[in-house]
Amino acid sequence: MSSVRGLLNNVLPFSSVDGPGNRSVVFLQGCNLACVYCHNPYTIGLCTHCGECIEPCPEDALSAVDGKVVVDWEACTRCGICIDVCPESSTPLAETVTATEVVDRVRRSAPFVSGVTISGGEATVQPDFLVELTAAFKDDPTYGTKSVLIDSNGKAPTELWDRLAPTIDGVMLDLKAWDPQDHERLTGSGHTEVLDSLAHLSTLGLLTEVRFVLVPGWNDDPDILDAMADHLADGGVPLKLIRARHHGVSDPVYDEPSVDHAEAVAERFRARGIAVRIV
């Protein structure tokens, strides 16, 4: 039995918004970006066991044992109050698990889904566990014939994609911004690795979709969008254009884009032969 264990935020047996068709979704804990529009910021950080969440828990499901926050799963109702009060953009409910345990949790859904998507947080911040998890899904008799996709921000070394290539069917890459300064302003980090991943995944034939969250005034300069569209036009990969929302964002610092604005941006890509879906 492998000794590799991962930190799991949550699993969804069924989802229609995390890839093609109806899919099971695995959310891993931890992220290497801090996007201003992140709608699930509790997946970013790692629990420091500070204990700030213990007293507010209405079910008394949290306690401190040997300096760590421990969850009474029979009492926990997943009300989310612990997440609301967490000062670390984290959750005490993340669990340390094996790949086999994750597959077991969603196995009953297998007959009703087209595959599984591994997301986060950012799945690639747990590289060894991610490699083991994708292999576990491919080796499983109920999931082995179904697609295994990764939803990633692309901030990962290209060597990791080489390791994952035998056990995944594709990557949906979230391209936050084409301009490096815009990317850093949006996420707190540069995008050299992201662009390397974009090119490498395309070469491997594993780039199944590019996702772009439209944030007015942050990543929608027309000239930069045209440069991005010119680059993506060579790959023949569809673009999912996502209108940034305020829902789930703790302190929005941007305006939500209108439908008309999103359509205008989409036309820049469609004019170059790129299939665009707006959500």
Protein backbone atom coordinates (compact mmCIF):
# COMPACT_ATOMS: atom_id res chain seq x y z
CA MET A 1 0.00 0.00 0.00
CA SER A 2 1.32 3.46 -0.93
CA SER A 3 2.38 5.84 1.81
CA VAL A 4 1.38 8.89 -0.24
CA ARG A 5 -1.51 10.74 1.33
CA GLY A 6 -3.26 13.88 0.18
CA LEU A 7 -5.30 16.67 1.70
CA LEU A 8 -8.90 16.52 0.49
CA ASN A 9 -11.28 19.45 0.70
CA ASN A 10 -14.44 17.79 -0.61
CA VAL A 11 -15.95 15.50 -3.22
CA LEU A 12 -19.06 15.99 -5.34
CA PRO A 13 -20.66 12.80 -6.65
CA PHE A 14 -22.27 14.75 -9.51
CA SER A 15 -21.55 18.05 -11.25
CA SER A 16 -22.54 19.48 -14.61
CA VAL A 17 -20.19 22.50 -14.53
CA ASP A 18 -16.78 20.90 -14.03
CA GLY A 19 -16.10 19.54 -17.48
CA PRO A 20 -18.05 17.82 -20.25
CA GLY A 21 -21.11 15.86 -19.24
CA ASN A 22 -22.10 14.87 -15.74
CA ARG A 23 -18.97 14.31 -13.67
CA SER A 24 -17.74 13.42 -10.22
CA VAL A 25 -15.44 16.11 -8.82
CA VAL A 26 -12.59 15.86 -6.33
CA PHE A 27 -11.47 19.10 -4.69
CA LEU A 28 -7.97 19.03 -3.22
CA GLN A 29 -6.89 21.51 -0.55
CA GLY A 30 -4.29 24.20 -1.15
CA CYS A 31 -3.57 26.71 -3.91
CA ASN A 32 -0.50 28.59 -5.15
CA LEU A 33 -2.43 31.67 -6.36
CA ALA A 34 -4.61 34.23 -4.59
CA CYS A 35 -7.09 35.34 -7.24
CA VAL A 36 -9.11 38.44 -6.40
CA TYR A 37 -12.27 36.74 -7.70
CA CYS A 38 -11.79 33.38 -5.97
CA HIS A 39 -15.23 32.09 -5.00
CA ASN A 40 -13.96 29.27 -2.77
CA PRO A 41 -11.10 30.93 -0.84
CA TYR A 42 -11.33 28.31 1.92
CA THR A 43 -9.53 25.92 -0.44
CA ILE A 44 -6.42 28.12 -0.64
CA GLY A 45 -4.66 27.83 2.70
CA LEU A 46 -3.69 25.01 5.02
CA CYS A 47 -5.16 24.77 8.50
CA THR A 48 -2.72 26.10 11.13
CA HIS A 49 -4.79 24.64 13.99
CA CYS A 50 -5.08 28.07 15.57
CA GLY A 51 -8.41 27.05 17.15
CA GLU A 52 -10.34 30.19 16.13
CA CYS A 53 -13.10 27.98 14.72
CA ILE A 54 -13.71 25.84 17.81
CA GLU A 55 -15.89 28.14 19.94
CA PRO A 56 -18.11 29.46 17.09
CA CYS A 57 -19.08 25.92 15.99
CA PRO A 58 -22.81 25.62 16.84
CA GLU A 59 -22.68 21.83 16.99
CA ASP A 60 -19.60 21.55 19.23
CA ALA A 61 -18.09 19.41 16.49
CA LEU A 62 -14.60 20.89 16.79
CA SER A 63 -12.10 20.44 19.59
CA ALA A 64 -8.39 20.77 20.24
CA VAL A 65 -6.46 17.54 20.76
CA ASP A 66 -2.69 17.63 21.17
CA GLY A 67 -2.54 21.06 19.57
CA LYS A 68 -4.63 20.14 16.54
CA VAL A 69 -8.23 20.90 15.62
CA VAL A 70 -10.16 17.62 15.45
CA VAL A 71 -13.58 17.12 13.83
CA ASP A 72 -16.41 15.04 15.28
CA TRP A 73 -17.90 13.94 11.97
CA GLU A 74 -21.06 12.60 13.60
CA ALA A 75 -21.82 16.04 15.03
CA CYS A 76 -20.61 18.15 12.08
CA THR A 77 -23.34 19.43 9.75
CA ARG A 78 -20.94 21.26 7.40
CA CYS A 79 -22.73 24.53 8.14
CA GLY A 80 -19.63 26.47 7.07
CA ILE A 81 -19.27 28.71 10.12
CA CYS A 82 -15.75 27.38 10.73
CA ILE A 83 -14.85 28.47 7.21
CA ASP A 84 -16.35 31.92 7.72
CA VAL A 85 -14.24 32.62 10.82
CA CYS A 86 -10.99 31.07 9.57
CA PRO A 87 -8.19 33.67 9.37
CA GLU A 88 -6.09 31.51 7.02
CA SER A 89 -8.45 31.05 4.02
CA SER A 90 -8.67 27.41 5.01
CA THR A 91 -10.94 24.89 6.70
CA PRO A 92 -10.58 22.45 9.57
CA LEU A 93 -12.71 20.01 7.59
CA ALA A 94 -10.01 19.08 5.06
CA GLU A 95 -9.10 15.41 5.46
CA THR A 96 -5.88 13.49 4.99
CA VAL A 97 -6.71 10.55 2.71
CA THR A 98 -5.26 7.95 0.39
CA ALA A 99 -6.05 7.79 -3.32
CA THR A 100 -8.01 4.58 -2.79
CA GLU A 101 -10.18 6.25 -0.17
CA VAL A 102 -11.04 9.07 -2.58
CA VAL A 103 -12.04 6.64 -5.34
CA ASP A 104 -14.14 4.67 -2.87
CA ARG A 105 -16.10 7.81 -1.95
CA VAL A 106 -17.33 8.42 -5.49
CA ARG A 107 -17.44 4.88 -6.85
CA ARG A 108 -21.23 4.57 -6.52
CA SER A 109 -21.59 7.52 -8.88
CA ALA A 110 -19.53 5.90 -11.63
CA PRO A 111 -22.43 4.37 -13.62
CA PHE A 112 -24.09 7.77 -13.90
CA VAL A 113 -21.16 10.02 -14.88
CA SER A 114 -18.92 10.48 -17.90
CA GLY A 115 -15.79 10.81 -15.81
CA VAL A 116 -14.07 12.54 -12.93
CA THR A 117 -12.54 16.01 -12.63
CA ILE A 118 -9.80 16.70 -10.10
CA SER A 119 -9.83 20.32 -9.01
CA GLY A 120 -9.12 22.46 -5.96
CA GLY A 121 -7.75 24.74 -4.72
CA GLU A 122 -5.05 23.78 -7.16
CA ALA A 123 -4.57 20.05 -7.59
CA THR A 124 -0.96 20.31 -8.77
CA VAL A 125 0.29 21.65 -5.43
CA GLN A 126 0.05 18.02 -4.27
CA PRO A 127 1.99 16.50 -7.20
CA ASP A 128 2.80 13.04 -5.85
CA PHE A 129 -0.71 12.52 -4.56
CA LEU A 130 -2.20 13.80 -7.81
CA VAL A 131 -0.17 11.30 -9.84
CA GLU A 132 -1.30 8.50 -7.55
CA LEU A 133 -4.92 9.65 -7.57
CA THR A 134 -5.22 9.79 -11.36
CA ALA A 135 -3.65 6.34 -11.60
CA ALA A 136 -6.10 5.03 -9.01
CA PHE A 137 -9.05 6.25 -11.08
CA LYS A 138 -7.62 4.74 -14.26
CA ASP A 139 -6.95 1.42 -12.51
CA ASP A 140 -10.42 1.27 -10.96
CA PRO A 141 -12.78 -1.09 -12.85
CA THR A 142 -15.71 1.33 -12.54
CA TYR A 143 -13.85 4.49 -13.57
CA GLY A 144 -11.11 3.08 -15.80
CA THR A 145 -13.06 3.51 -19.03
CA LYS A 146 -14.18 7.05 -18.18
CA SER A 147 -12.30 10.31 -18.68
CA VAL A 148 -10.04 11.73 -16.00
CA LEU A 149 -9.60 15.50 -16.31
CA ILE A 150 -7.71 18.05 -14.25
CA ASP A 151 -8.86 21.62 -13.72
CA SER A 152 -5.66 23.60 -13.16
CA ASN A 153 -4.30 27.12 -13.08
CA GLY A 154 -1.24 25.79 -14.93
CA LYS A 155 1.29 27.03 -12.40
CA ALA A 156 3.14 23.73 -12.34
CA PRO A 157 6.40 22.42 -13.80
CA THR A 158 6.07 20.80 -17.22
CA GLU A 159 7.67 17.65 -15.80
CA LEU A 160 4.52 17.07 -13.76
CA TRP A 161 2.38 16.97 -16.91
CA ASP A 162 4.75 14.34 -18.31
CA ARG A 163 4.22 12.26 -15.16
CA LEU A 164 0.46 12.66 -15.41
CA ALA A 165 0.15 12.05 -19.16
CA PRO A 166 -0.32 8.25 -18.94
CA THR A 167 -3.22 8.52 -16.50
CA ILE A 168 -5.25 11.56 -17.60
CA ASP A 169 -7.36 12.40 -20.61
CA GLY A 170 -6.94 16.14 -20.53
CA VAL A 171 -6.49 19.41 -18.66
CA MET A 172 -8.85 22.37 -18.46
CA LEU A 173 -6.40 25.23 -17.96
CA ASP A 174 -7.46 28.45 -16.26
CA LEU A 175 -5.65 31.30 -17.97
CA LYS A 176 -6.13 34.24 -15.63
CA ALA A 177 -4.61 36.95 -17.82
CA TRP A 178 -2.42 37.16 -20.92
CA ASP A 179 -0.40 40.17 -19.77
CA PRO A 180 2.14 39.28 -17.04
CA GLN A 181 1.42 42.42 -15.02
CA ASP A 182 -2.33 41.81 -15.20
CA HIS A 183 -1.75 38.23 -14.09
CA GLU A 184 0.31 39.31 -11.09
CA ARG A 185 -2.25 41.94 -10.12
CA LEU A 186 -5.07 39.40 -10.34
CA THR A 187 -3.36 36.47 -8.66
CA GLY A 188 -0.31 37.72 -6.79
CA SER A 189 2.01 35.73 -9.05
CA GLY A 190 3.54 35.76 -12.50
CA HIS A 191 2.49 33.46 -15.32
CA THR A 192 5.70 32.08 -16.88
CA GLU A 193 4.93 28.55 -15.69
CA VAL A 194 1.33 28.94 -16.83
CA LEU A 195 2.35 29.75 -20.40
CA ASP A 196 4.87 26.91 -20.34
CA SER A 197 2.10 24.55 -19.23
CA LEU A 198 -0.20 25.90 -21.94
CA ALA A 199 2.37 25.12 -24.64
CA HIS A 200 3.45 21.78 -23.19
CA LEU A 201 -0.08 20.47 -22.70
CA SER A 202 -0.88 21.44 -26.28
CA THR A 203 2.17 19.50 -27.48
CA LEU A 204 1.08 16.48 -25.43
CA GLY A 205 -2.43 16.68 -26.88
CA LEU A 206 -3.85 17.11 -23.38
CA LEU A 207 -5.13 20.69 -23.52
CA THR A 208 -8.89 20.15 -23.74
CA GLU A 209 -10.14 23.62 -22.81
CA VAL A 210 -8.86 27.07 -21.89
CA ARG A 211 -10.86 28.86 -19.23
CA PHE A 212 -10.77 32.64 -18.91
CA VAL A 213 -12.53 34.58 -16.15
CA LEU A 214 -13.42 38.02 -17.48
CA VAL A 215 -12.78 40.75 -14.88
CA PRO A 216 -13.55 44.27 -16.15
CA GLY A 217 -10.62 46.64 -15.79
CA TRP A 218 -8.27 43.84 -14.77
CA ASN A 219 -7.77 41.57 -17.80
CA ASP A 220 -9.89 42.94 -20.64
CA ASP A 221 -7.62 45.37 -22.49
CA PRO A 222 -8.65 44.97 -26.17
CA ASP A 223 -5.12 44.83 -27.59
CA ILE A 224 -4.02 42.25 -25.03
CA LEU A 225 -7.15 40.18 -25.66
CA ASP A 226 -6.37 40.23 -29.38
CA ALA A 227 -2.83 39.02 -28.70
CA MET A 228 -4.20 36.22 -26.55
CA ALA A 229 -6.72 35.26 -29.21
CA ASP A 230 -4.02 35.23 -31.91
CA HIS A 231 -1.96 32.83 -29.82
CA LEU A 232 -4.84 30.52 -28.93
CA ALA A 233 -6.09 30.42 -32.52
CA ASP A 234 -3.23 28.11 -33.48
CA GLY A 235 -4.23 25.44 -30.98
CA GLY A 236 -7.81 24.71 -31.99
CA VAL A 237 -8.83 24.46 -28.33
CA PRO A 238 -12.23 25.80 -27.19
CA LEU A 239 -12.46 28.73 -24.77
CA LYS A 240 -14.80 28.87 -21.80
CA LEU A 241 -15.41 32.54 -21.06
CA ILE A 242 -16.56 32.98 -17.47
CA ARG A 243 -18.11 36.20 -16.24
CA ALA A 244 -16.59 37.04 -12.84
CA ARG A 245 -19.26 37.07 -10.15
CA HIS A 246 -19.34 38.41 -6.61
CA HIS A 247 -20.99 35.28 -5.21
CA GLY A 248 -18.69 33.56 -2.72
CA VAL A 249 -16.07 36.34 -2.88
CA SER A 250 -15.41 37.78 0.57
CA ASP A 251 -14.59 41.35 -0.50
CA PRO A 252 -15.12 41.99 -4.24
CA VAL A 253 -12.88 44.70 -5.67
CA TYR A 254 -14.19 44.52 -9.24
CA ASP A 255 -17.39 45.00 -11.19
CA GLU A 256 -19.25 42.05 -12.66
CA PRO A 257 -19.08 42.11 -16.47
CA SER A 258 -22.31 42.56 -18.36
CA VAL A 259 -23.58 40.00 -20.82
CA ASP A 260 -22.95 42.46 -23.64
CA HIS A 261 -19.35 42.97 -22.57
CA ALA A 262 -18.78 39.22 -22.42
CA GLU A 263 -20.29 38.81 -25.88
CA ALA A 264 -18.04 41.53 -27.27
CA VAL A 265 -14.97 39.82 -25.82
CA ALA A 266 -16.13 36.45 -27.13
CA GLU A 267 -16.43 37.86 -30.64
CA ARG A 268 -12.72 38.75 -30.62
CA PHE A 269 -11.93 35.07 -30.17
CA ARG A 270 -14.63 33.78 -32.49
CA ALA A 271 -13.29 36.05 -35.23
CA ARG A 272 -10.12 33.94 -35.09
CA GLY A 273 -11.97 30.65 -35.35
CA ILE A 274 -12.01 29.82 -31.64
CA ALA A 275 -15.13 28.16 -30.27
CA VAL A 276 -16.31 30.16 -27.26
CA ARG A 277 -18.87 29.29 -24.61
CA ILE A 278 -19.95 32.02 -22.17
CA VAL A 279 -21.06 31.16 -18.65
